[in-house]
């Protein structure tokens, strides 16, 4: 039981350190997203490919936000 608690504590410490590094590097990842990324990398996903996907998703999200703003600002009679 103590081994499980020690292991859980080590995982938490590791995630805290990774999150601090992520914050210093201004990645914009929250703890949950960072945790998912770590698990994906542990499963063999290429970190560079994962990074590219995250960047593309952010670009697509931003483009969608801009599109919605443009629709909202467009006059009804145009």
PDB file of N, CA and C in Angstrom:
ATOM      1  N   UNK A   1       0.826  -1.196   0.000  1.00  0.00           N
ATOM      2  CA  UNK A   1       0.000   0.000   0.000  1.00  0.00           C
ATOM      3  C   UNK A   1       0.864   1.251   0.000  1.00  0.00           C
ATOM      4  N   UNK A   2       1.942   1.231   0.790  1.00  0.00           N
ATOM      5  CA  UNK A   2       2.838   2.384   0.847  1.00  0.00           C
ATOM      6  C   UNK A   2       3.512   2.599  -0.498  1.00  0.00           C
ATOM      7  N   UNK A   3       3.767   1.491  -1.203  1.00  0.00           N
ATOM      8  CA  UNK A   3       4.395   1.593  -2.519  1.00  0.00           C
ATOM      9  C   UNK A   3       3.476   2.309  -3.504  1.00  0.00           C
ATOM     10  N   UNK A   4       2.188   1.988  -3.459  1.00  0.00           N
ATOM     11  CA  UNK A   4       1.222   2.657  -4.331  1.00  0.00           C
ATOM     12  C   UNK A   4       1.132   4.142  -4.015  1.00  0.00           C
ATOM     13  N   UNK A   5       1.125   4.468  -2.739  1.00  0.00           N
ATOM     14  CA  UNK A   5       1.054   5.873  -2.331  1.00  0.00           C
ATOM     15  C   UNK A   5       2.310   6.616  -2.762  1.00  0.00           C
ATOM     16  N   UNK A   6       3.462   5.972  -2.615  1.00  0.00           N
ATOM     17  CA  UNK A   6       4.721   6.597  -3.026  1.00  0.00           C
ATOM     18  C   UNK A   6       4.751   6.791  -4.537  1.00  0.00           C
ATOM     19  N   UNK A   7       4.247   5.799  -5.265  1.00  0.00           N
ATOM     20  CA  UNK A   7       4.203   5.888  -6.721  1.00  0.00           C
ATOM     21  C   UNK A   7       3.274   7.016  -7.161  1.00  0.00           C
ATOM     22  N   UNK A   8       2.118   7.109  -6.542  1.00  0.00           N
ATOM     23  CA  UNK A   8       1.166   8.174  -6.860  1.00  0.00           C
ATOM     24  C   UNK A   8       1.761   9.543  -6.559  1.00  0.00           C
ATOM     25  N   UNK A   9       2.461   9.634  -5.450  1.00  0.00           N
ATOM     26  CA  UNK A   9       3.113  10.888  -5.071  1.00  0.00           C
ATOM     27  C   UNK A   9       4.189  11.268  -6.089  1.00  0.00           C
ATOM     28  N   UNK A  10       4.942  10.280  -6.556  1.00  0.00           N
ATOM     29  CA  UNK A  10       5.985  10.535  -7.555  1.00  0.00           C
ATOM     30  C   UNK A  10       5.374  11.015  -8.867  1.00  0.00           C
ATOM     31  N   UNK A  11       4.255  10.419  -9.250  1.00  0.00           N
ATOM     32  CA  UNK A  11       3.566  10.829 -10.483  1.00  0.00           C
ATOM     33  C   UNK A  11       3.083  12.268 -10.354  1.00  0.00           C
ATOM     34  N   UNK A  12       2.506  12.593  -9.205  1.00  0.00           N
ATOM     35  CA  UNK A  12       2.033  13.970  -8.985  1.00  0.00           C
ATOM     36  C   UNK A  12       3.184  14.965  -9.036  1.00  0.00           C
ATOM     37  N   UNK A  13       4.293  14.621  -8.402  1.00  0.00           N
ATOM     38  CA  UNK A  13       5.459  15.513  -8.422  1.00  0.00           C
ATOM     39  C   UNK A  13       5.969  15.703  -9.843  1.00  0.00           C
ATOM     40  N   UNK A  14       6.031  14.610 -10.594  1.00  0.00           N
ATOM     41  CA  UNK A  14       6.493  14.686 -11.982  1.00  0.00           C
ATOM     42  C   UNK A  14       5.577  15.579 -12.808  1.00  0.00           C
ATOM     43  N   UNK A  15       4.270  15.408 -12.649  1.00  0.00           N
ATOM     44  CA  UNK A  15       3.323  16.235 -13.395  1.00  0.00           C
ATOM     45  C   UNK A  15       3.420  17.696 -12.976  1.00  0.00           C
ATOM     46  N   UNK A  16       3.640  17.938 -11.695  1.00  0.00           N
ATOM     47  CA  UNK A  16       3.805  19.321 -11.231  1.00  0.00           C
ATOM     48  C   UNK A  16       5.028  19.969 -11.873  1.00  0.00           C
ATOM     49  N   UNK A  17       6.124  19.214 -11.955  1.00  0.00           N
ATOM     50  CA  UNK A  17       7.347  19.738 -12.580  1.00  0.00           C
ATOM     51  C   UNK A  17       7.113  19.979 -14.069  1.00  0.00           C
ATOM     52  N   UNK A  18       6.490  19.012 -14.739  1.00  0.00           N
ATOM     53  CA  UNK A  18       6.201  19.181 -16.169  1.00  0.00           C
ATOM     54  C   UNK A  18       5.279  20.373 -16.415  1.00  0.00           C
ATOM     55  N   UNK A  19       4.305  20.554 -15.535  1.00  0.00           N
ATOM     56  CA  UNK A  19       3.395  21.688 -15.686  1.00  0.00           C
ATOM     57  C   UNK A  19       4.133  23.005 -15.490  1.00  0.00           C
ATOM     58  N   UNK A  20       5.046  23.045 -14.546  1.00  0.00           N
ATOM     59  CA  UNK A  20       5.831  24.268 -14.321  1.00  0.00           C
ATOM     60  C   UNK A  20       6.698  24.575 -15.542  1.00  0.00           C
ATOM     61  N   UNK A  21       7.320  23.546 -16.107  1.00  0.00           N
ATOM     62  CA  UNK A  21       8.115  23.733 -17.331  1.00  0.00           C
ATOM     63  C   UNK A  21       7.215  24.232 -18.458  1.00  0.00           C
ATOM     64  N   UNK A  22       6.049  23.619 -18.589  1.00  0.00           N
ATOM     65  CA  UNK A  22       5.085  24.026 -19.609  1.00  0.00           C
ATOM     66  C   UNK A  22       4.682  25.483 -19.438  1.00  0.00           C
ATOM     67  N   UNK A  23       4.461  25.880 -18.194  1.00  0.00           N
ATOM     68  CA  UNK A  23       4.075  27.261 -17.902  1.00  0.00           C
ATOM     69  C   UNK A  23       5.213  28.218 -18.247  1.00  0.00           C
ATOM     70  N   UNK A  24       6.448  27.861 -17.864  1.00  0.00           N
ATOM     71  CA  UNK A  24       7.610  28.706 -18.154  1.00  0.00           C
ATOM     72  C   UNK A  24       7.780  28.872 -19.665  1.00  0.00           C
ATOM     73  N   UNK A  25       7.528  27.797 -20.407  1.00  0.00           N
ATOM     74  CA  UNK A  25       7.652  27.849 -21.864  1.00  0.00           C
ATOM     75  C   UNK A  25       6.430  28.469 -22.539  1.00  0.00           C
ATOM     76  N   UNK A  26       5.448  28.865 -21.718  1.00  0.00           N
ATOM     77  CA  UNK A  26       4.247  29.529 -22.228  1.00  0.00           C
ATOM     78  C   UNK A  26       3.532  28.686 -23.291  1.00  0.00           C
ATOM     79  N   UNK A  27       3.341  27.397 -22.993  1.00  0.00           N
ATOM     80  CA  UNK A  27       2.684  26.509 -23.952  1.00  0.00           C
ATOM     81  C   UNK A  27       1.181  26.711 -24.018  1.00  0.00           C
ATOM     82  N   UNK A  28       0.605  27.247 -22.951  1.00  0.00           N
ATOM     83  CA  UNK A  28      -0.836  27.422 -22.909  1.00  0.00           C
ATOM     84  C   UNK A  28      -1.596  26.154 -22.562  1.00  0.00           C
ATOM     85  N   UNK A  29      -0.874  25.100 -22.187  1.00  0.00           N
ATOM     86  CA  UNK A  29      -1.533  23.850 -21.815  1.00  0.00           C
ATOM     87  C   UNK A  29      -1.952  23.894 -20.355  1.00  0.00           C
ATOM     88  N   UNK A  30      -3.176  23.458 -20.094  1.00  0.00           N
ATOM     89  CA  UNK A  30      -3.583  23.317 -18.699  1.00  0.00           C
ATOM     90  C   UNK A  30      -3.125  21.938 -18.206  1.00  0.00           C
ATOM     91  N   UNK A  31      -3.302  21.681 -16.921  1.00  0.00           N
ATOM     92  CA  UNK A  31      -2.813  20.432 -16.335  1.00  0.00           C
ATOM     93  C   UNK A  31      -3.475  19.211 -16.971  1.00  0.00           C
ATOM     94  N   UNK A  32      -4.763  19.294 -17.242  1.00  0.00           N
ATOM     95  CA  UNK A  32      -5.464  18.155 -17.838  1.00  0.00           C
ATOM     96  C   UNK A  32      -4.942  17.856 -19.243  1.00  0.00           C
ATOM     97  N   UNK A  33      -4.782  18.889 -20.053  1.00  0.00           N
ATOM     98  CA  UNK A  33      -4.286  18.704 -21.414  1.00  0.00           C
ATOM     99  C   UNK A  33      -2.857  18.182 -21.399  1.00  0.00           C
ATOM    100  N   UNK A  34      -2.035  18.729 -20.521  1.00  0.00           N
ATOM    101  CA  UNK A  34      -0.659  18.256 -20.394  1.00  0.00           C
ATOM    102  C   UNK A  34      -0.639  16.787 -20.001  1.00  0.00           C
ATOM    103  N   UNK A  35      -1.490  16.399 -19.077  1.00  0.00           N
ATOM    104  CA  UNK A  35      -1.569  15.010 -18.638  1.00  0.00           C
ATOM    105  C   UNK A  35      -1.954  14.088 -19.795  1.00  0.00           C
ATOM    106  N   UNK A  36      -2.901  14.522 -20.607  1.00  0.00           N
ATOM    107  CA  UNK A  36      -3.305  13.738 -21.778  1.00  0.00           C
ATOM    108  C   UNK A  36      -2.140  13.606 -22.747  1.00  0.00           C
ATOM    109  N   UNK A  37      -1.419  14.697 -22.973  1.00  0.00           N
ATOM    110  CA  UNK A  37      -0.261  14.664 -23.872  1.00  0.00           C
ATOM    111  C   UNK A  37       0.804  13.699 -23.362  1.00  0.00           C
ATOM    112  N   UNK A  38       1.060  13.729 -22.068  1.00  0.00           N
ATOM    113  CA  UNK A  38       2.055  12.821 -21.480  1.00  0.00           C
ATOM    114  C   UNK A  38       1.621  11.374 -21.687  1.00  0.00           C
ATOM    115  N   UNK A  39       0.348  11.084 -21.420  1.00  0.00           N
ATOM    116  CA  UNK A  39      -0.142   9.708 -21.602  1.00  0.00           C
ATOM    117  C   UNK A  39      -0.047   9.272 -23.059  1.00  0.00           C
ATOM    118  N   UNK A  40      -0.357  10.170 -23.982  1.00  0.00           N
ATOM    119  CA  UNK A  40      -0.242   9.830 -25.400  1.00  0.00           C
ATOM    120  C   UNK A  40       1.207   9.529 -25.774  1.00  0.00           C
ATOM    121  N   UNK A  41       2.127  10.332 -25.273  1.00  0.00           N
ATOM    122  CA  UNK A  41       3.547  10.092 -25.546  1.00  0.00           C
ATOM    123  C   UNK A  41       4.006   8.771 -24.935  1.00  0.00           C
ATOM    124  N   UNK A  42       3.513   8.458 -23.746  1.00  0.00           N
ATOM    125  CA  UNK A  42       3.849   7.178 -23.113  1.00  0.00           C
ATOM    126  C   UNK A  42       3.319   6.002 -23.926  1.00  0.00           C
ATOM    127  N   UNK A  43       2.247   6.224 -24.685  1.00  0.00           N
ATOM    128  CA  UNK A  43       1.665   5.182 -25.530  1.00  0.00           C
ATOM    129  C   UNK A  43       2.342   5.100 -26.897  1.00  0.00           C
ATOM    130  N   UNK A  44       3.343   5.954 -27.117  1.00  0.00           N
ATOM    131  CA  UNK A  44       4.112   5.869 -28.350  1.00  0.00           C
ATOM    132  C   UNK A  44       3.818   6.935 -29.388  1.00  0.00           C
ATOM    133  N   UNK A  45       2.946   7.875 -29.085  1.00  0.00           N
ATOM    134  CA  UNK A  45       2.662   8.959 -30.032  1.00  0.00           C
ATOM    135  C   UNK A  45       3.895   9.851 -30.142  1.00  0.00           C
ATOM    136  N   UNK A  46       4.233  10.225 -31.355  1.00  0.00           N
ATOM    137  CA  UNK A  46       5.379  11.091 -31.599  1.00  0.00           C
ATOM    138  C   UNK A  46       5.097  12.477 -31.017  1.00  0.00           C
ATOM    139  N   UNK A  47       5.949  12.960 -30.106  1.00  0.00           N
ATOM    140  CA  UNK A  47       5.717  14.268 -29.481  1.00  0.00           C
ATOM    141  C   UNK A  47       5.665  15.423 -30.477  1.00  0.00           C
ATOM    142  N   UNK A  48       6.493  15.360 -31.519  1.00  0.00           N
ATOM    143  CA  UNK A  48       6.477  16.432 -32.518  1.00  0.00           C
ATOM    144  C   UNK A  48       5.165  16.428 -33.299  1.00  0.00           C
ATOM    145  N   UNK A  49       4.677  15.239 -33.624  1.00  0.00           N
ATOM    146  CA  UNK A  49       3.396  15.139 -34.327  1.00  0.00           C
ATOM    147  C   UNK A  49       2.265  15.639 -33.435  1.00  0.00           C
ATOM    148  N   UNK A  50       2.319  15.289 -32.166  1.00  0.00           N
ATOM    149  CA  UNK A  50       1.308  15.750 -31.212  1.00  0.00           C
ATOM    150  C   UNK A  50       1.327  17.271 -31.106  1.00  0.00           C
ATOM    151  N   UNK A  51       2.517  17.836 -31.059  1.00  0.00           N
ATOM    152  CA  UNK A  51       2.660  19.285 -31.007  1.00  0.00           C
ATOM    153  C   UNK A  51       2.050  19.935 -32.249  1.00  0.00           C
ATOM    154  N   UNK A  52       2.297  19.351 -33.400  1.00  0.00           N
ATOM    155  CA  UNK A  52       1.734  19.884 -34.649  1.00  0.00           C
ATOM    156  C   UNK A  52       0.211  19.835 -34.639  1.00  0.00           C
ATOM    157  N   UNK A  53      -0.340  18.746 -34.137  1.00  0.00           N
ATOM    158  CA  UNK A  53      -1.797  18.619 -34.064  1.00  0.00           C
ATOM    159  C   UNK A  53      -2.379  19.686 -33.142  1.00  0.00           C
ATOM    160  N   UNK A  54      -1.746  19.890 -31.997  1.00  0.00           N
ATOM    161  CA  UNK A  54      -2.225  20.908 -31.053  1.00  0.00           C
ATOM    162  C   UNK A  54      -2.182  22.291 -31.695  1.00  0.00           C
ATOM    163  N   UNK A  55      -1.092  22.596 -32.393  1.00  0.00           N
ATOM    164  CA  UNK A  55      -0.981  23.896 -33.063  1.00  0.00           C
ATOM    165  C   UNK A  55      -2.074  24.063 -34.119  1.00  0.00           C
ATOM    166  N   UNK A  56      -2.320  23.018 -34.904  1.00  0.00           N
ATOM    167  CA  UNK A  56      -3.347  23.096 -35.942  1.00  0.00           C
ATOM    168  C   UNK A  56      -4.737  23.245 -35.334  1.00  0.00           C
ATOM    169  N   UNK A  57      -4.994  22.537 -34.235  1.00  0.00           N
ATOM    170  CA  UNK A  57      -6.286  22.681 -33.565  1.00  0.00           C
ATOM    171  C   UNK A  57      -6.476  24.094 -33.033  1.00  0.00           C
ATOM    172  N   UNK A  58      -5.416  24.673 -32.519  1.00  0.00           N
ATOM    173  CA  UNK A  58      -5.508  26.053 -32.022  1.00  0.00           C
ATOM    174  C   UNK A  58      -5.787  27.017 -33.166  1.00  0.00           C
ATOM    175  N   UNK A  59      -5.115  26.816 -34.310  1.00  0.00           N
ATOM    176  CA  UNK A  59      -5.356  27.676 -35.473  1.00  0.00           C
ATOM    177  C   UNK A  59      -6.799  27.544 -35.949  1.00  0.00           C
ATOM    178  N   UNK A  60      -7.286  26.312 -36.015  1.00  0.00           N
ATOM    179  CA  UNK A  60      -8.657  26.082 -36.468  1.00  0.00           C
ATOM    180  C   UNK A  60      -9.661  26.702 -35.503  1.00  0.00           C
ATOM    181  N   UNK A  61      -9.394  26.587 -34.221  1.00  0.00           N
ATOM    182  CA  UNK A  61     -10.276  27.183 -33.214  1.00  0.00           C
ATOM    183  C   UNK A  61     -10.306  28.693 -33.357  1.00  0.00           C
ATOM    184  N   UNK A  62      -9.145  29.290 -33.554  1.00  0.00           N
ATOM    185  CA  UNK A  62      -9.069  30.745 -33.713  1.00  0.00           C
ATOM    186  C   UNK A  62      -9.794  31.188 -34.982  1.00  0.00           C
ATOM    187  N   UNK A  63      -9.622  30.433 -36.072  1.00  0.00           N
ATOM    188  CA  UNK A  63     -10.302  30.768 -37.323  1.00  0.00           C
ATOM    189  C   UNK A  63     -11.816  30.676 -37.153  1.00  0.00           C
ATOM    190  N   UNK A  64     -12.274  29.665 -36.434  1.00  0.00           N
ATOM    191  CA  UNK A  64     -13.704  29.519 -36.188  1.00  0.00           C
ATOM    192  C   UNK A  64     -14.238  30.671 -35.346  1.00  0.00           C
ATOM    193  N   UNK A  65     -13.482  31.091 -34.350  1.00  0.00           N
ATOM    194  CA  UNK A  65     -13.893  32.234 -33.527  1.00  0.00           C
ATOM    195  C   UNK A  65     -14.009  33.492 -34.378  1.00  0.00           C
ATOM    196  N   UNK A  66     -13.020  33.722 -35.249  1.00  0.00           N
ATOM    197  CA  UNK A  66     -13.055  34.900 -36.114  1.00  0.00           C
ATOM    198  C   UNK A  66     -14.240  34.843 -37.072  1.00  0.00           C
ATOM    199  N   UNK A  67     -14.516  33.671 -37.607  1.00  0.00           N
ATOM    200  CA  UNK A  67     -15.654  33.497 -38.505  1.00  0.00           C
ATOM    201  C   UNK A  67     -16.960  33.822 -37.787  1.00  0.00           C
ATOM    202  N   UNK A  68     -17.101  33.338 -36.563  1.00  0.00           N
ATOM    203  CA  UNK A  68     -18.320  33.617 -35.793  1.00  0.00           C
ATOM    204  C   UNK A  68     -18.456  35.110 -35.504  1.00  0.00           C
ATOM    205  N   UNK A  69     -17.353  35.763 -35.211  1.00  0.00           N
ATOM    206  CA  UNK A  69     -17.384  37.211 -34.962  1.00  0.00           C
ATOM    207  C   UNK A  69     -17.807  37.945 -36.226  1.00  0.00           C
ATOM    208  N   UNK A  70     -17.258  37.528 -37.375  1.00  0.00           N
ATOM    209  CA  UNK A  70     -17.620  38.170 -38.636  1.00  0.00           C
ATOM    210  C   UNK A  70     -19.105  37.993 -38.929  1.00  0.00           C
ATOM    211  N   UNK A  71     -19.624  36.800 -38.665  1.00  0.00           N
ATOM    212  CA  UNK A  71     -21.055  36.578 -38.874  1.00  0.00           C
ATOM    213  C   UNK A  71     -21.883  37.455 -37.951  1.00  0.00           C
ATOM    214  N   UNK A  72     -21.444  37.588 -36.732  1.00  0.00           N
ATOM    215  CA  UNK A  72     -22.170  38.380 -35.745  1.00  0.00           C
ATOM    216  C   UNK A  72     -22.147  39.863 -36.104  1.00  0.00           C
ATOM    217  N   UNK A  73     -21.023  40.332 -36.652  1.00  0.00           N
ATOM    218  CA  UNK A  73     -20.882  41.749 -36.983  1.00  0.00           C
ATOM    219  C   UNK A  73     -21.532  42.113 -38.310  1.00  0.00           C
ATOM    220  N   UNK A  74     -21.753  41.134 -39.168  1.00  0.00           N
ATOM    221  CA  UNK A  74     -22.334  41.405 -40.482  1.00  0.00           C
ATOM    222  C   UNK A  74     -23.781  41.864 -40.318  1.00  0.00           C
ATOM    223  N   UNK A  75     -24.136  42.956 -40.968  1.00  0.00           N
ATOM    224  CA  UNK A  75     -25.528  43.440 -40.872  1.00  0.00           C
ATOM    225  C   UNK A  75     -26.502  42.400 -41.425  1.00  0.00           C
ATOM    226  N   UNK A  76     -27.688  42.382 -40.894  1.00  0.00           N
ATOM    227  CA  UNK A  76     -28.696  41.410 -41.316  1.00  0.00           C
ATOM    228  C   UNK A  76     -29.107  41.598 -42.769  1.00  0.00           C
ATOM    229  N   UNK A  77     -29.039  42.808 -43.276  1.00  0.00           N
ATOM    230  CA  UNK A  77     -29.491  43.087 -44.639  1.00  0.00           C
ATOM    231  C   UNK A  77     -28.393  42.908 -45.693  1.00  0.00           C
ATOM    232  N   UNK A  78     -27.191  42.584 -45.280  1.00  0.00           N
ATOM    233  CA  UNK A  78     -26.088  42.445 -46.249  1.00  0.00           C
ATOM    234  C   UNK A  78     -26.167  41.137 -46.992  1.00  0.00           C
TER     235      UNK A  78
END
